[in-house]
Amino acid sequence: MMPPCGTRSNSLTSKSNNFVLISPRETEQLRSDLAQEIKRLDAKIEQLRSDLMRETKQLDLKIERLGSDLTRDMKDLEYRMIIKLGAMLVVAVGAMAALVKILSIRDSMPCGYPFFSDILSFALN
């Protein structure tokens, strides 16, 4: 708050404004304390920054390892699917071949329907 024109007020020692005069020695002590505190905080910030960089590198390595593991697992899954598909194709071709033989026997028989023992004897030969 400004005093009216023409009046003098010492705002530095005024208790109502909570200002206190300090000596130059105390000022220098406060400055050195603040400088030390700033240096301590800067060192702590640098330590935290280096810790963060180290942890970031570790996470990058873990992500790369997981990516390579995923690629390997996908290849393994692909190979297993190919093997299963090949087995299914072998079974399907075998079933089709058996059906072709069975149906060709049935068409060649006079009554049109072979007996079960005839089918078994043909399949075993």
C-alpha atoms as a PDB file:
ATOM      1  CA  MET A   1       0.000   0.000   0.000  1.00  0.00           C
ATOM      2  CA  MET A   2       1.434   3.382  -0.983  1.00  0.00           C
ATOM      3  CA  PRO A   3       1.589   6.234   1.573  1.00  0.00           C
ATOM      4  CA  PRO A   4      -0.055   9.502   0.604  1.00  0.00           C
ATOM      5  CA  CYS A   5       2.116  12.062  -1.193  1.00  0.00           C
ATOM      6  CA  GLY A   6       4.400  14.044   1.073  1.00  0.00           C
ATOM      7  CA  THR A   7       4.601  11.462   3.889  1.00  0.00           C
ATOM      8  CA  ARG A   8       7.513   9.135   4.536  1.00  0.00           C
ATOM      9  CA  SER A   9       7.098   5.535   5.529  1.00  0.00           C
ATOM     10  CA  ASN A  10       9.735   2.881   6.189  1.00  0.00           C
ATOM     11  CA  SER A  11       8.046  -0.177   4.695  1.00  0.00           C
ATOM     12  CA  LEU A  12      11.068  -2.406   5.314  1.00  0.00           C
ATOM     13  CA  THR A  13      10.703  -2.246   9.074  1.00  0.00           C
ATOM     14  CA  SER A  14       6.960  -2.060   9.153  1.00  0.00           C
ATOM     15  CA  LYS A  15       5.524  -5.008  11.113  1.00  0.00           C
ATOM     16  CA  SER A  16       2.179  -4.705   9.360  1.00  0.00           C
ATOM     17  CA  ASN A  17       3.802  -5.537   5.981  1.00  0.00           C
ATOM     18  CA  ASN A  18       5.933  -8.353   7.474  1.00  0.00           C
ATOM     19  CA  PHE A  19       9.210  -6.948   6.135  1.00  0.00           C
ATOM     20  CA  VAL A  20      12.333  -7.244   8.259  1.00  0.00           C
ATOM     21  CA  LEU A  21      15.693  -5.622   7.645  1.00  0.00           C
ATOM     22  CA  ILE A  22      18.574  -8.065   7.524  1.00  0.00           C
ATOM     23  CA  SER A  23      22.265  -7.397   7.621  1.00  0.00           C
ATOM     24  CA  PRO A  24      24.530  -7.826   4.590  1.00  0.00           C
ATOM     25  CA  ARG A  25      26.248 -10.733   6.355  1.00  0.00           C
ATOM     26  CA  GLU A  26      22.908 -12.536   6.761  1.00  0.00           C
ATOM     27  CA  THR A  27      22.129 -11.782   3.110  1.00  0.00           C
ATOM     28  CA  GLU A  28      25.390 -13.390   2.013  1.00  0.00           C
ATOM     29  CA  GLN A  29      24.717 -16.384   4.267  1.00  0.00           C
ATOM     30  CA  LEU A  30      21.258 -16.807   2.705  1.00  0.00           C
ATOM     31  CA  ARG A  31      22.747 -16.534  -0.783  1.00  0.00           C
ATOM     32  CA  SER A  32      25.376 -19.178  -0.068  1.00  0.00           C
ATOM     33  CA  ASP A  33      22.750 -21.459   1.512  1.00  0.00           C
ATOM     34  CA  LEU A  34      20.521 -21.039  -1.537  1.00  0.00           C
ATOM     35  CA  ALA A  35      23.470 -21.682  -3.875  1.00  0.00           C
ATOM     36  CA  GLN A  36      24.320 -24.887  -2.001  1.00  0.00           C
ATOM     37  CA  GLU A  37      20.678 -25.978  -2.090  1.00  0.00           C
ATOM     38  CA  ILE A  38      20.509 -25.283  -5.830  1.00  0.00           C
ATOM     39  CA  LYS A  39      23.692 -27.320  -6.407  1.00  0.00           C
ATOM     40  CA  ARG A  40      22.290 -30.180  -4.328  1.00  0.00           C
ATOM     41  CA  LEU A  41      19.025 -30.118  -6.257  1.00  0.00           C
ATOM     42  CA  ASP A  42      20.878 -29.967  -9.599  1.00  0.00           C
ATOM     43  CA  ALA A  43      22.923 -33.014  -8.597  1.00  0.00           C
ATOM     44  CA  LYS A  44      19.744 -34.833  -7.596  1.00  0.00           C
ATOM     45  CA  ILE A  45      18.107 -33.922 -10.907  1.00  0.00           C
ATOM     46  CA  GLU A  46      21.117 -35.253 -12.821  1.00  0.00           C
ATOM     47  CA  GLN A  47      21.037 -38.459 -10.784  1.00  0.00           C
ATOM     48  CA  LEU A  48      17.339 -38.909 -11.532  1.00  0.00           C
ATOM     49  CA  ARG A  49      17.951 -38.174 -15.206  1.00  0.00           C
ATOM     50  CA  SER A  50      20.724 -40.782 -15.416  1.00  0.00           C
ATOM     51  CA  ASP A  51      18.530 -43.330 -13.579  1.00  0.00           C
ATOM     52  CA  LEU A  52      15.712 -42.631 -16.001  1.00  0.00           C
ATOM     53  CA  MET A  53      17.989 -43.064 -19.019  1.00  0.00           C
ATOM     54  CA  ARG A  54      19.328 -46.379 -17.643  1.00  0.00           C
ATOM     55  CA  GLU A  55      15.809 -47.679 -17.003  1.00  0.00           C
ATOM     56  CA  THR A  56      14.707 -46.540 -20.470  1.00  0.00           C
ATOM     57  CA  LYS A  57      17.560 -48.504 -22.051  1.00  0.00           C
ATOM     58  CA  GLN A  58      16.628 -51.572 -20.002  1.00  0.00           C
ATOM     59  CA  LEU A  59      13.007 -51.284 -21.138  1.00  0.00           C
ATOM     60  CA  ASP A  60      14.118 -50.944 -24.770  1.00  0.00           C
ATOM     61  CA  LEU A  61      16.166 -54.136 -24.446  1.00  0.00           C
ATOM     62  CA  LYS A  62      13.213 -55.964 -22.896  1.00  0.00           C
ATOM     63  CA  ILE A  63      10.917 -54.788 -25.689  1.00  0.00           C
ATOM     64  CA  GLU A  64      13.404 -55.969 -28.336  1.00  0.00           C
ATOM     65  CA  ARG A  65      13.711 -59.345 -26.601  1.00  0.00           C
ATOM     66  CA  LEU A  66       9.918 -59.697 -26.437  1.00  0.00           C
ATOM     67  CA  GLY A  67       9.671 -58.804 -30.133  1.00  0.00           C
ATOM     68  CA  SER A  68      12.197 -61.459 -31.111  1.00  0.00           C
ATOM     69  CA  ASP A  69      10.458 -64.000 -28.854  1.00  0.00           C
ATOM     70  CA  LEU A  70       7.135 -63.171 -30.493  1.00  0.00           C
ATOM     71  CA  THR A  71       8.624 -63.571 -33.972  1.00  0.00           C
ATOM     72  CA  ARG A  72      10.108 -66.964 -33.023  1.00  0.00           C
ATOM     73  CA  ASP A  73       6.810 -68.114 -31.488  1.00  0.00           C
ATOM     74  CA  MET A  74       4.914 -67.046 -34.610  1.00  0.00           C
ATOM     75  CA  LYS A  75       7.311 -69.045 -36.798  1.00  0.00           C
ATOM     76  CA  ASP A  76       6.859 -72.099 -34.566  1.00  0.00           C
ATOM     77  CA  LEU A  77       3.080 -71.715 -34.778  1.00  0.00           C
ATOM     78  CA  GLU A  78       3.291 -71.388 -38.550  1.00  0.00           C
ATOM     79  CA  TYR A  79       5.334 -74.599 -38.814  1.00  0.00           C
ATOM     80  CA  ARG A  80       2.895 -76.494 -36.576  1.00  0.00           C
ATOM     81  CA  MET A  81      -0.040 -75.294 -38.679  1.00  0.00           C
ATOM     82  CA  ILE A  82       1.713 -76.392 -41.886  1.00  0.00           C
ATOM     83  CA  ILE A  83       2.348 -79.851 -40.420  1.00  0.00           C
ATOM     84  CA  LYS A  84      -1.289 -80.182 -39.309  1.00  0.00           C
ATOM     85  CA  LEU A  85      -2.537 -79.016 -42.703  1.00  0.00           C
ATOM     86  CA  GLY A  86      -0.278 -81.550 -44.424  1.00  0.00           C
ATOM     87  CA  ALA A  87      -1.590 -84.340 -42.193  1.00  0.00           C
ATOM     88  CA  MET A  88      -5.164 -83.320 -42.924  1.00  0.00           C
ATOM     89  CA  LEU A  89      -4.430 -83.338 -46.668  1.00  0.00           C
ATOM     90  CA  VAL A  90      -2.905 -86.835 -46.441  1.00  0.00           C
ATOM     91  CA  VAL A  91      -5.979 -88.099 -44.594  1.00  0.00           C
ATOM     92  CA  ALA A  92      -8.326 -86.390 -47.058  1.00  0.00           C
ATOM     93  CA  VAL A  93      -6.499 -87.823 -50.094  1.00  0.00           C
ATOM     94  CA  GLY A  94      -6.497 -91.272 -48.489  1.00  0.00           C
ATOM     95  CA  ALA A  95     -10.214 -91.037 -47.758  1.00  0.00           C
ATOM     96  CA  MET A  96     -10.934 -89.891 -51.304  1.00  0.00           C
ATOM     97  CA  ALA A  97      -8.862 -92.737 -52.734  1.00  0.00           C
ATOM     98  CA  ALA A  98     -10.690 -95.231 -50.529  1.00  0.00           C
ATOM     99  CA  LEU A  99     -14.070 -93.811 -51.548  1.00  0.00           C
ATOM    100  CA  VAL A 100     -13.129 -93.976 -55.230  1.00  0.00           C
ATOM    101  CA  LYS A 101     -12.160 -97.650 -54.874  1.00  0.00           C
ATOM    102  CA  ILE A 102     -15.271 -98.478 -52.871  1.00  0.00           C
ATOM    103  CA  LEU A 103     -17.592 -96.687 -55.266  1.00  0.00           C
ATOM    104  CA  SER A 104     -15.955 -98.199 -58.333  1.00  0.00           C
ATOM    105  CA  ILE A 105     -16.501-101.726 -56.852  1.00  0.00           C
ATOM    106  CA  ARG A 106     -20.104-100.978 -56.109  1.00  0.00           C
ATOM    107  CA  ASP A 107     -20.727 -99.827 -59.673  1.00  0.00           C
ATOM    108  CA  SER A 108     -19.130-102.981 -61.070  1.00  0.00           C
ATOM    109  CA  MET A 109     -21.271-105.358 -58.961  1.00  0.00           C
ATOM    110  CA  PRO A 110     -24.530-106.590 -60.472  1.00  0.00           C
ATOM    111  CA  CYS A 111     -26.716-105.818 -57.450  1.00  0.00           C
ATOM    112  CA  GLY A 112     -25.159-102.411 -56.896  1.00  0.00           C
ATOM    113  CA  TYR A 113     -24.332-102.891 -53.185  1.00  0.00           C
ATOM    114  CA  PRO A 114     -21.266-104.882 -52.104  1.00  0.00           C
ATOM    115  CA  PHE A 115     -21.247-106.838 -48.917  1.00  0.00           C
ATOM    116  CA  PHE A 116     -19.146-105.620 -46.040  1.00  0.00           C
ATOM    117  CA  SER A 117     -16.752-108.556 -46.323  1.00  0.00           C
ATOM    118  CA  ASP A 118     -16.191-107.797 -50.005  1.00  0.00           C
ATOM    119  CA  ILE A 119     -15.244-104.215 -49.156  1.00  0.00           C
ATOM    120  CA  LEU A 120     -12.814-105.376 -46.472  1.00  0.00           C
ATOM    121  CA  SER A 121     -11.201-107.958 -48.727  1.00  0.00           C
ATOM    122  CA  PHE A 122     -10.713-105.386 -51.461  1.00  0.00           C
ATOM    123  CA  ALA A 123      -9.248-102.809 -49.060  1.00  0.00           C
ATOM    124  CA  LEU A 124      -6.815-105.344 -47.577  1.00  0.00           C
ATOM    125  CA  ASN A 125      -5.571-106.465 -51.027  1.00  0.00           C
END
